Amino acid sequence: MKIEPYTLTATEAVQAIASGHLSSVDLVKSCLAQITKTDSSIKAWAFLDPDRALAQAAECDRIRKAGLGTGPLHGLPVGLKDIIDTRDMPTQRGTDIFKNRQPTQDARLVERLRESGAVIMGKTVTTELAFVHANETRNPHNPDHSPGGSSSGSAAAVAACHVPLAVGTQTNGSVIRPASFCGTFGFKPTRGMISRSGVLQTSDSLDQVGCFGRSLEDVALLSDALAGYDQADNCSFARPRPDMHAGAQADAPVPPDFVWFNLPFYDRLASDAHDGIEAVLDLLGPRLSRMSAADTLANLVAVQARIHEYEICKHQAEVFDAHFEDLSHELQPIVDRGRKISEAEYTDALAVKASAQSFFDDLFVEFDAIIAPSAAGEAPKFGAGTGDPIFCTLWTLAGLPCVSLPLLVGDNDLPVGVQIIGPTEKDDRLLRTARWLQLHLAQAT
């Protein structure tokens, strides 16, 4: 039986293109056909220009046939969350306030995508200003359910095989949670690994870029292509990056050690997700340590909220002042609350954030990874919000690399992810640990 190109993972597709067995044009045509077939019910795309995508693909094929240099994503279609600036496509940020907004230059990460040979397929739907208010995207596994947020369209597009790869962002749980709900791999590298220049700023201290794919190697491949130092981004670090793709392919030299924190808000975990994760923890046996979390660790949830709300009101002050009545009823009270946070309260929150980072640095001397839920369980019904981000909050606050693995299925046959978290700037080691976990569970079951 002939394999349809749109079903290929990114790793499979890039190999097929490099070997001449598949053209970029044929891959893009196949993906566009899948979009035409299914996006009327999923609504993953905020902007799509098929002719532009095919022109990019044709140029990729010309370059390969001419024997010119090709990049690691050569000919692969990639979706971009609609808060990432593109010079040739609108970036509307999930709100009519920015309807038809056309940037004059690409975000830094888009420049890196173009340099790597990717085909920029289009812009995927995001929640309003990448925050709480959902837009129209539905879960590909069941359109009666949410895909999560705020990287809603990116997760849904990958899960529906519209594209093999997509880019999202995370300020709290906006990559890991939708990856869990949609059954994809979601990876948020260490804060500062990928430039945020040209990406909507909601929180300078917390905003981070992440990736969606249909395998561990896929998200590593995309992350390597995006990663690099950018002097215009004050969170970007001027040091060599780890080879994440190599990490995702590597065997662990010794079985890794995991830690599970018994956090008080884990009572929000649905019973089916709890049972599934407990089964995973049991299979880890002596490789797992369970630790009671100090109250200060749980209190980091409030610290993250204070920083996020203060900074979005600061960064988007002009928008909120001029268009407050155009904001959703979910966002308006958050803006009101954020405006009341004092400078002293904000400064104290930043100090606690720094101490949290030090705590985790010390923790990873003893452990290879933290294991945690990716989300509270299966995706909620559409119209009931985009899901609880609290299971991602601590790790995002500390800027740690996180990956969601689509390991479980809930009572309604919807995906449920398991999250593992690693040490700062050792993203390759985290992905190696994730590979070990996948293989270990496959052998154990």
Protein backbone atom coordinates (compact mmCIF):
# COMPACT_ATOMS: atom_id res chain seq x y z
CA MET A 1 0.00 0.00 0.00
CA LYS A 2 1.33 3.42 -0.95
CA ILE A 3 2.11 5.66 2.03
CA GLU A 4 0.60 9.11 1.74
CA PRO A 5 3.34 11.74 2.23
CA TYR A 6 1.28 13.72 4.75
CA THR A 7 1.46 10.77 7.17
CA LEU A 8 5.27 10.83 7.32
CA THR A 9 7.02 12.12 10.40
CA ALA A 10 9.42 15.00 9.85
CA THR A 11 12.39 12.67 10.24
CA GLU A 12 10.99 10.28 7.62
CA ALA A 13 10.07 13.08 5.23
CA VAL A 14 13.41 14.85 5.36
CA GLN A 15 15.19 11.55 4.63
CA ALA A 16 12.84 10.80 1.72
CA ILE A 17 13.43 14.26 0.23
CA ALA A 18 17.21 14.04 0.67
CA SER A 19 17.30 10.65 -1.06
CA GLY A 20 15.18 11.85 -3.98
CA HIS A 21 12.30 9.49 -3.23
CA LEU A 22 9.96 12.38 -2.40
CA SER A 23 9.79 15.93 -3.65
CA SER A 24 8.93 18.86 -1.44
CA VAL A 25 6.16 19.80 -3.86
CA ASP A 26 4.55 16.37 -3.51
CA LEU A 27 4.81 16.56 0.28
CA VAL A 28 3.26 20.02 0.41
CA LYS A 29 0.50 19.00 -2.03
CA SER A 30 -0.30 16.01 0.16
CA CYS A 31 -0.42 18.17 3.30
CA LEU A 32 -2.63 20.75 1.56
CA ALA A 33 -5.03 18.00 0.50
CA GLN A 34 -5.24 16.79 4.10
CA ILE A 35 -5.93 20.36 5.25
CA THR A 36 -8.68 20.72 2.65
CA LYS A 37 -10.17 17.42 3.76
CA THR A 38 -10.24 18.02 7.53
CA ASP A 39 -9.71 21.66 8.49
CA SER A 40 -13.34 22.66 8.05
CA SER A 41 -14.01 20.83 11.32
CA ILE A 42 -10.64 21.40 13.05
CA LYS A 43 -10.01 25.06 12.11
CA ALA A 44 -6.29 24.94 12.89
CA TRP A 45 -5.22 27.67 10.43
CA ALA A 46 -5.47 31.44 10.80
CA PHE A 47 -3.75 32.03 7.44
CA LEU A 48 -2.94 29.66 4.62
CA ASP A 49 -1.73 30.49 1.11
CA PRO A 50 -1.39 27.25 -0.88
CA ASP A 51 0.24 28.94 -3.89
CA ARG A 52 2.90 30.54 -1.71
CA ALA A 53 3.60 27.22 0.02
CA LEU A 54 3.94 25.39 -3.30
CA ALA A 55 6.27 28.09 -4.65
CA GLN A 56 8.54 27.65 -1.63
CA ALA A 57 8.47 23.87 -2.12
CA ALA A 58 9.32 24.19 -5.81
CA GLU A 59 12.32 26.34 -4.92
CA CYS A 60 13.46 23.71 -2.40
CA ASP A 61 13.28 21.07 -5.12
CA ARG A 62 15.20 23.29 -7.54
CA ILE A 63 17.95 23.83 -4.96
CA ARG A 64 18.31 20.10 -4.28
CA LYS A 65 18.39 19.16 -7.97
CA ALA A 66 21.00 21.84 -8.62
CA GLY A 67 23.25 20.29 -6.00
CA LEU A 68 23.25 23.39 -3.82
CA GLY A 69 23.46 23.34 -0.05
CA THR A 70 20.42 22.12 1.85
CA GLY A 71 19.49 22.60 5.49
CA PRO A 72 18.25 20.18 8.16
CA LEU A 73 14.57 20.94 7.43
CA HIS A 74 14.92 21.10 3.65
CA GLY A 75 11.52 20.96 1.97
CA LEU A 76 9.54 20.31 5.17
CA PRO A 77 6.29 22.23 5.73
CA VAL A 78 6.10 23.95 9.14
CA GLY A 79 3.20 25.75 10.82
CA LEU A 80 3.76 28.92 12.85
CA LYS A 81 1.70 30.11 15.80
CA ASP A 82 0.01 33.35 14.79
CA ILE A 83 1.98 35.51 17.22
CA ILE A 84 5.23 34.99 15.28
CA ASP A 85 6.00 37.76 12.79
CA THR A 86 6.34 36.93 9.10
CA ARG A 87 7.15 39.50 6.42
CA ASP A 88 4.96 37.80 3.80
CA MET A 89 1.99 36.68 5.88
CA PRO A 90 -0.25 38.51 8.37
CA THR A 91 0.30 38.01 12.10
CA GLN A 92 -2.99 38.70 13.83
CA ARG A 93 -2.31 37.43 17.37
CA GLY A 94 -5.68 35.76 17.84
CA THR A 95 -7.67 39.00 18.11
CA ASP A 96 -9.56 41.38 15.84
CA ILE A 97 -7.52 44.17 17.42
CA PHE A 98 -4.69 43.06 15.10
CA LYS A 99 -6.80 41.93 12.17
CA ASN A 100 -4.80 42.08 8.90
CA ARG A 101 -1.66 43.20 10.77
CA GLN A 102 1.27 42.75 8.35
CA PRO A 103 4.79 42.79 9.83
CA THR A 104 7.61 44.24 7.76
CA GLN A 105 10.20 41.65 8.77
CA ASP A 106 10.47 38.07 9.95
CA ALA A 107 10.93 36.99 13.54
CA ARG A 108 14.43 35.69 14.20
CA LEU A 109 13.18 32.12 14.44
CA VAL A 110 11.49 32.47 11.03
CA GLU A 111 14.83 33.56 9.58
CA ARG A 112 16.35 30.39 11.02
CA LEU A 113 13.54 28.30 9.53
CA ARG A 114 14.10 29.78 6.09
CA GLU A 115 17.84 29.23 6.41
CA SER A 116 17.22 25.58 7.35
CA GLY A 117 15.18 25.03 4.17
CA ALA A 118 11.72 24.81 5.75
CA VAL A 119 8.54 25.66 3.87
CA ILE A 120 6.55 28.17 5.95
CA MET A 121 3.12 26.66 5.40
CA GLY A 122 1.02 29.28 7.19
CA LYS A 123 -0.09 30.68 10.52
CA THR A 124 -1.86 28.52 13.09
CA VAL A 125 -4.66 29.73 15.34
CA THR A 126 -3.79 31.01 18.80
CA THR A 127 -5.93 32.09 21.69
CA GLU A 128 -6.52 35.83 22.16
CA LEU A 129 -3.08 37.43 22.62
CA ALA A 130 -1.76 33.95 23.49
CA PHE A 131 -3.63 33.97 26.79
CA VAL A 132 -6.85 32.54 28.21
CA HIS A 133 -9.67 33.17 25.72
CA ALA A 134 -10.08 30.29 23.25
CA ASN A 135 -10.50 30.73 19.52
CA GLU A 136 -12.20 28.40 17.05
CA THR A 137 -9.76 25.45 16.83
CA ARG A 138 -11.10 22.00 17.78
CA ASN A 139 -9.38 18.82 18.90
CA PRO A 140 -8.61 16.56 15.91
CA HIS A 141 -9.45 13.42 17.91
CA ASN A 142 -12.92 14.71 18.77
CA PRO A 143 -14.13 18.14 17.62
CA ASP A 144 -16.42 18.36 20.63
CA HIS A 145 -13.28 18.90 22.72
CA SER A 146 -10.65 21.64 23.03
CA PRO A 147 -7.14 21.26 21.60
CA GLY A 148 -5.80 23.26 24.55
CA GLY A 149 -4.08 26.61 24.36
CA SER A 150 -2.59 28.93 23.69
CA SER A 151 -0.74 27.09 20.88
CA SER A 152 -4.06 25.56 19.83
CA GLY A 153 -3.66 25.46 16.06
CA SER A 154 -0.04 24.32 16.12
CA ALA A 155 -0.84 21.24 18.20
CA ALA A 156 -3.99 20.46 16.21
CA ALA A 157 -2.27 20.88 12.83
CA VAL A 158 0.45 18.37 13.74
CA ALA A 159 -2.02 15.91 15.28
CA ALA A 160 -4.23 16.09 12.17
CA CYS A 161 -1.23 15.50 9.86
CA HIS A 162 -1.62 18.92 8.24
CA VAL A 163 2.11 19.48 8.77
CA PRO A 164 4.80 17.30 10.33
CA LEU A 165 6.12 20.19 12.48
CA ALA A 166 4.78 23.34 14.09
CA VAL A 167 6.09 26.08 16.35
CA GLY A 168 4.34 27.30 19.50
CA THR A 169 5.14 29.33 22.59
CA GLN A 170 4.73 28.74 26.31
CA THR A 171 4.41 31.25 29.14
CA ASN A 172 2.71 28.79 31.47
CA GLY A 173 1.58 25.56 29.79
CA SER A 174 0.88 26.53 26.19
CA VAL A 175 3.02 23.90 24.44
CA ILE A 176 2.98 20.96 26.83
CA ARG A 177 -0.78 21.04 27.57
CA PRO A 178 -2.04 21.17 23.94
CA ALA A 179 0.51 18.50 23.02
CA SER A 180 -1.03 16.31 25.72
CA PHE A 181 -4.61 17.00 24.61
CA CYS A 182 -3.85 16.43 20.92
CA GLY A 183 -1.57 13.40 21.35
CA THR A 184 1.56 14.90 19.84
CA PHE A 185 5.08 15.24 21.14
CA GLY A 186 5.58 18.71 22.62
CA PHE A 187 8.98 20.09 23.58
CA LYS A 188 9.79 23.37 25.29
CA PRO A 189 13.57 23.81 25.40
CA THR A 190 15.48 25.70 28.08
CA ARG A 191 14.52 29.37 28.32
CA GLY A 192 16.85 31.35 26.05
CA MET A 193 17.58 28.42 23.73
CA ILE A 194 15.40 29.90 20.95
CA SER A 195 15.11 33.61 20.17
CA ARG A 196 11.84 35.43 20.86
CA SER A 197 12.63 38.49 18.72
CA GLY A 198 9.59 39.17 16.55
CA VAL A 199 7.27 37.12 18.78
CA LEU A 200 4.40 38.77 20.66
CA GLN A 201 5.71 39.67 24.09
CA THR A 202 3.38 38.83 26.96
CA SER A 203 6.06 38.24 29.60
CA ASP A 204 9.73 38.95 29.03
CA SER A 205 10.63 36.81 32.04
CA LEU A 206 8.47 33.82 31.13
CA ASP A 207 7.78 33.66 27.36
CA GLN A 208 9.50 30.67 25.73
CA VAL A 209 9.36 29.01 22.30
CA GLY A 210 8.48 25.35 21.82
CA CYS A 211 7.87 22.71 19.16
CA PHE A 212 5.30 20.10 18.12
CA GLY A 213 5.99 16.93 16.16
CA ARG A 214 4.92 13.32 15.81
CA SER A 215 8.10 11.79 17.24
CA LEU A 216 10.79 12.65 19.75
CA GLU A 217 13.32 13.01 16.92
CA ASP A 218 10.99 15.41 15.13
CA VAL A 219 10.78 17.95 17.96
CA ALA A 220 14.52 17.70 18.48
CA LEU A 221 15.17 18.27 14.76
CA LEU A 222 13.04 21.43 14.77
CA SER A 223 14.48 22.71 18.03
CA ASP A 224 18.04 22.40 16.74
CA ALA A 225 17.10 24.38 13.64
CA LEU A 226 15.50 27.16 15.70
CA ALA A 227 18.11 27.38 18.46
CA GLY A 228 20.79 30.05 18.44
CA TYR A 229 22.03 33.17 20.15
CA ASP A 230 20.24 36.46 19.49
CA GLN A 231 21.69 39.60 21.04
CA ALA A 232 18.32 41.35 20.62
CA ASP A 233 16.69 38.93 23.09
CA ASN A 234 17.83 39.54 26.65
CA CYS A 235 17.03 35.95 27.68
CA SER A 236 19.15 34.49 24.88
CA PHE A 237 22.53 33.14 26.03
CA ALA A 238 25.79 33.40 24.11
CA ARG A 239 26.94 29.82 24.57
CA PRO A 240 26.94 26.76 22.34
CA ARG A 241 23.66 24.84 22.27
CA PRO A 242 23.39 21.11 22.98
CA ASP A 243 22.78 18.82 20.02
CA MET A 244 19.16 17.96 20.76
CA HIS A 245 18.67 15.67 17.77
CA ALA A 246 21.67 13.59 18.84
CA GLY A 247 20.19 13.40 22.34
CA ALA A 248 16.86 12.13 21.01
CA GLN A 249 18.71 9.33 19.15
CA ALA A 250 21.13 8.38 21.92
CA ASP A 251 20.95 5.47 24.33
CA ALA A 252 21.31 6.35 28.01
CA PRO A 253 24.66 5.03 29.31
CA VAL A 254 22.96 4.00 32.58
CA PRO A 255 19.28 3.87 33.55
CA PRO A 256 18.23 7.40 34.55
CA ASP A 257 16.83 8.37 37.94
CA PHE A 258 13.47 10.13 38.16
CA VAL A 259 11.79 12.12 40.90
CA TRP A 260 8.05 12.66 41.43
CA PHE A 261 6.89 15.55 43.61
CA ASN A 262 3.72 15.08 45.63
CA LEU A 263 2.32 18.55 45.05
CA PRO A 264 -0.90 19.65 46.76
CA PHE A 265 -2.58 20.72 43.52
CA TYR A 266 -2.22 17.23 42.07
CA ASP A 267 -5.68 16.57 43.47
CA ARG A 268 -6.86 18.33 40.28
CA LEU A 269 -5.67 15.32 38.26
CA ALA A 270 -8.52 13.33 36.70
CA SER A 271 -8.89 9.78 37.98
CA ASP A 272 -8.05 8.12 34.64
CA ALA A 273 -4.94 10.28 34.21
CA HIS A 274 -3.95 9.54 37.83
CA ASP A 275 -4.28 5.80 37.30
CA GLY A 276 -2.34 5.91 34.04
CA ILE A 277 0.53 7.92 35.49
CA GLU A 278 0.66 5.69 38.56
CA ALA A 279 1.08 2.71 36.25
CA VAL A 280 4.02 4.47 34.56
CA LEU A 281 5.55 5.31 37.93
CA ASP A 282 5.20 1.70 39.09
CA LEU A 283 7.04 0.48 36.00
CA LEU A 284 9.98 2.72 36.89
CA GLY A 285 10.48 0.76 40.09
CA PRO A 286 13.75 1.64 41.85
CA ARG A 287 14.53 4.30 39.26
CA LEU A 288 11.84 6.53 40.83
CA SER A 289 11.94 8.54 44.06
CA ARG A 290 8.80 10.15 45.47
CA MET A 291 9.28 13.39 47.37
CA SER A 292 6.91 15.49 49.44
CA ALA A 293 7.04 19.05 48.16
CA ALA A 294 7.59 21.95 50.50
CA ASP A 295 4.84 24.57 50.58
CA THR A 296 7.24 27.03 48.99
CA LEU A 297 7.34 24.88 45.86
CA ALA A 298 3.57 24.86 45.50
CA ASN A 299 3.49 28.60 46.16
CA LEU A 300 5.47 29.17 42.96
CA VAL A 301 2.15 29.00 41.09
CA ALA A 302 1.16 32.36 42.58
CA VAL A 303 4.63 33.75 41.81
CA GLN A 304 4.27 32.82 38.13
CA ALA A 305 0.84 34.45 37.94
CA ARG A 306 2.11 37.67 39.52
CA ILE A 307 5.01 37.97 37.07
CA HIS A 308 2.88 37.07 34.06
CA GLU A 309 0.04 39.46 34.89
CA TYR A 310 2.33 42.34 35.80
CA GLU A 311 4.43 41.96 32.66
CA ILE A 312 1.61 41.53 30.15
CA CYS A 313 0.07 44.75 31.48
CA LYS A 314 3.45 46.44 31.07
CA HIS A 315 4.35 45.07 27.63
CA GLN A 316 0.85 45.49 26.15
CA ALA A 317 -0.11 48.69 27.99
CA GLU A 318 -0.87 50.63 24.80
CA VAL A 319 -3.09 47.83 23.48
CA PHE A 320 -4.99 47.48 26.75
CA ASP A 321 -5.43 51.23 27.14
CA ALA A 322 -6.71 51.74 23.60
CA HIS A 323 -8.76 48.55 23.21
CA PHE A 324 -9.86 47.47 26.68
CA GLU A 325 -13.50 47.11 25.61
CA ASP A 326 -12.41 44.89 22.71
CA LEU A 327 -10.78 42.37 25.05
CA SER A 328 -12.60 39.18 26.03
CA HIS A 329 -14.46 38.92 29.31
CA GLU A 330 -11.85 36.37 30.40
CA LEU A 331 -8.93 38.73 29.79
CA GLN A 332 -10.40 41.97 31.17
CA PRO A 333 -10.33 40.94 34.86
CA ILE A 334 -6.77 39.65 34.47
CA VAL A 335 -5.71 43.04 33.12
CA ASP A 336 -7.48 44.79 36.01
CA ARG A 337 -5.69 42.54 38.49
CA GLY A 338 -2.30 42.93 36.81
CA ARG A 339 -2.55 46.72 36.90
CA LYS A 340 -2.88 46.56 40.70
CA ILE A 341 0.36 44.63 41.27
CA SER A 342 2.95 46.93 42.80
CA GLU A 343 6.56 47.24 41.70
CA ALA A 344 7.66 45.85 45.08
CA GLU A 345 5.41 42.79 44.73
CA TYR A 346 6.73 42.18 41.24
CA THR A 347 10.36 42.54 42.36
CA ASP A 348 9.77 40.06 45.20
CA ALA A 349 8.26 37.60 42.71
CA LEU A 350 11.34 37.82 40.49
CA ALA A 351 13.55 37.08 43.51
CA VAL A 352 11.52 33.97 44.32
CA LYS A 353 11.77 32.90 40.67
CA ALA A 354 15.58 33.15 40.89
CA SER A 355 15.63 31.04 44.07
CA ALA A 356 13.45 28.42 42.36
CA GLN A 357 15.97 28.16 39.53
CA SER A 358 18.74 27.58 42.12
CA PHE A 359 16.65 24.89 43.83
CA PHE A 360 16.23 22.95 40.61
CA ASP A 361 19.91 23.33 39.71
CA ASP A 362 20.74 21.56 42.97
CA LEU A 363 18.04 18.92 42.46
CA PHE A 364 19.44 17.80 39.12
CA VAL A 365 22.78 16.96 40.70
CA GLU A 366 20.99 13.90 42.10
CA PHE A 367 18.27 13.21 39.51
CA ASP A 368 18.17 13.00 35.73
CA ALA A 369 14.57 14.15 35.34
CA ILE A 370 11.36 15.10 37.10
CA ILE A 371 8.28 13.20 35.97
CA ALA A 372 4.91 14.92 36.17
CA PRO A 373 1.50 15.15 34.50
CA SER A 374 1.37 17.16 31.27
CA ALA A 375 -2.20 18.24 32.02
CA ALA A 376 -5.12 17.44 34.31
CA GLY A 377 -6.33 14.67 32.03
CA GLU A 378 -8.15 14.48 28.72
CA ALA A 379 -9.02 17.65 26.81
CA PRO A 380 -12.04 19.52 28.20
CA LYS A 381 -15.17 20.03 26.15
CA PHE A 382 -14.97 22.83 23.62
CA GLY A 383 -16.33 25.98 25.24
CA ALA A 384 -15.18 24.97 28.73
CA GLY A 385 -11.77 26.63 28.46
CA THR A 386 -8.43 25.36 27.24
CA GLY A 387 -7.52 23.31 30.31
CA ASP A 388 -5.64 23.85 33.56
CA PRO A 389 -1.98 24.85 33.00
CA ILE A 390 -0.93 24.31 36.62
CA PHE A 391 0.94 21.08 35.90
CA CYS A 392 3.42 23.07 33.78
CA THR A 393 3.69 26.23 35.88
CA LEU A 394 6.66 25.43 38.12
CA TRP A 395 8.91 24.16 35.36
CA THR A 396 8.09 27.04 33.02
CA LEU A 397 8.76 29.58 35.77
CA ALA A 398 12.22 28.09 36.26
CA GLY A 399 12.90 27.96 32.50
CA LEU A 400 13.54 24.21 32.53
CA PRO A 401 13.34 22.07 29.39
CA CYS A 402 10.14 19.99 29.30
CA VAL A 403 8.77 17.34 26.98
CA SER A 404 5.29 15.81 26.78
CA LEU A 405 5.16 12.19 25.64
CA PRO A 406 1.82 10.84 24.27
CA LEU A 407 1.82 7.71 26.42
CA LEU A 408 -1.71 7.39 27.82
CA VAL A 409 -5.36 7.30 26.72
CA GLY A 410 -8.22 8.49 28.93
CA ASP A 411 -11.68 7.07 29.53
CA ASN A 412 -13.08 8.92 26.48
CA ASP A 413 -10.33 7.57 24.18
CA LEU A 414 -8.58 10.95 24.10
CA PRO A 415 -4.80 11.30 24.51
CA VAL A 416 -3.15 12.03 27.84
CA GLY A 417 0.52 13.03 27.97
CA VAL A 418 3.21 12.37 30.53
CA GLN A 419 5.71 15.17 31.12
CA ILE A 420 9.37 14.89 31.98
CA ILE A 421 11.51 17.85 32.94
CA GLY A 422 15.29 18.15 32.83
CA PRO A 423 18.16 20.38 33.89
CA THR A 424 18.80 23.77 32.33
CA GLU A 425 20.80 23.73 29.07
CA LYS A 426 20.98 19.93 29.13
CA ASP A 427 18.13 19.52 26.70
CA ASP A 428 19.97 16.74 24.88
CA ARG A 429 20.16 14.79 28.14
CA LEU A 430 16.43 15.29 28.74
CA LEU A 431 15.60 13.97 25.27
CA ARG A 432 17.93 11.01 25.81
CA THR A 433 16.09 10.30 29.06
CA ALA A 434 12.76 10.58 27.23
CA ARG A 435 13.95 8.05 24.67
CA TRP A 436 14.99 5.70 27.48
CA LEU A 437 11.56 6.05 29.09
CA GLN A 438 9.76 5.24 25.84
CA LEU A 439 11.88 2.14 25.27
CA HIS A 440 11.62 1.03 28.90
CA LEU A 441 7.83 1.27 28.92
CA ALA A 442 7.57 -0.51 25.56
CA GLN A 443 9.68 -3.41 26.89
CA ALA A 444 7.80 -3.51 30.22
CA THR A 445 4.40 -3.70 28.59
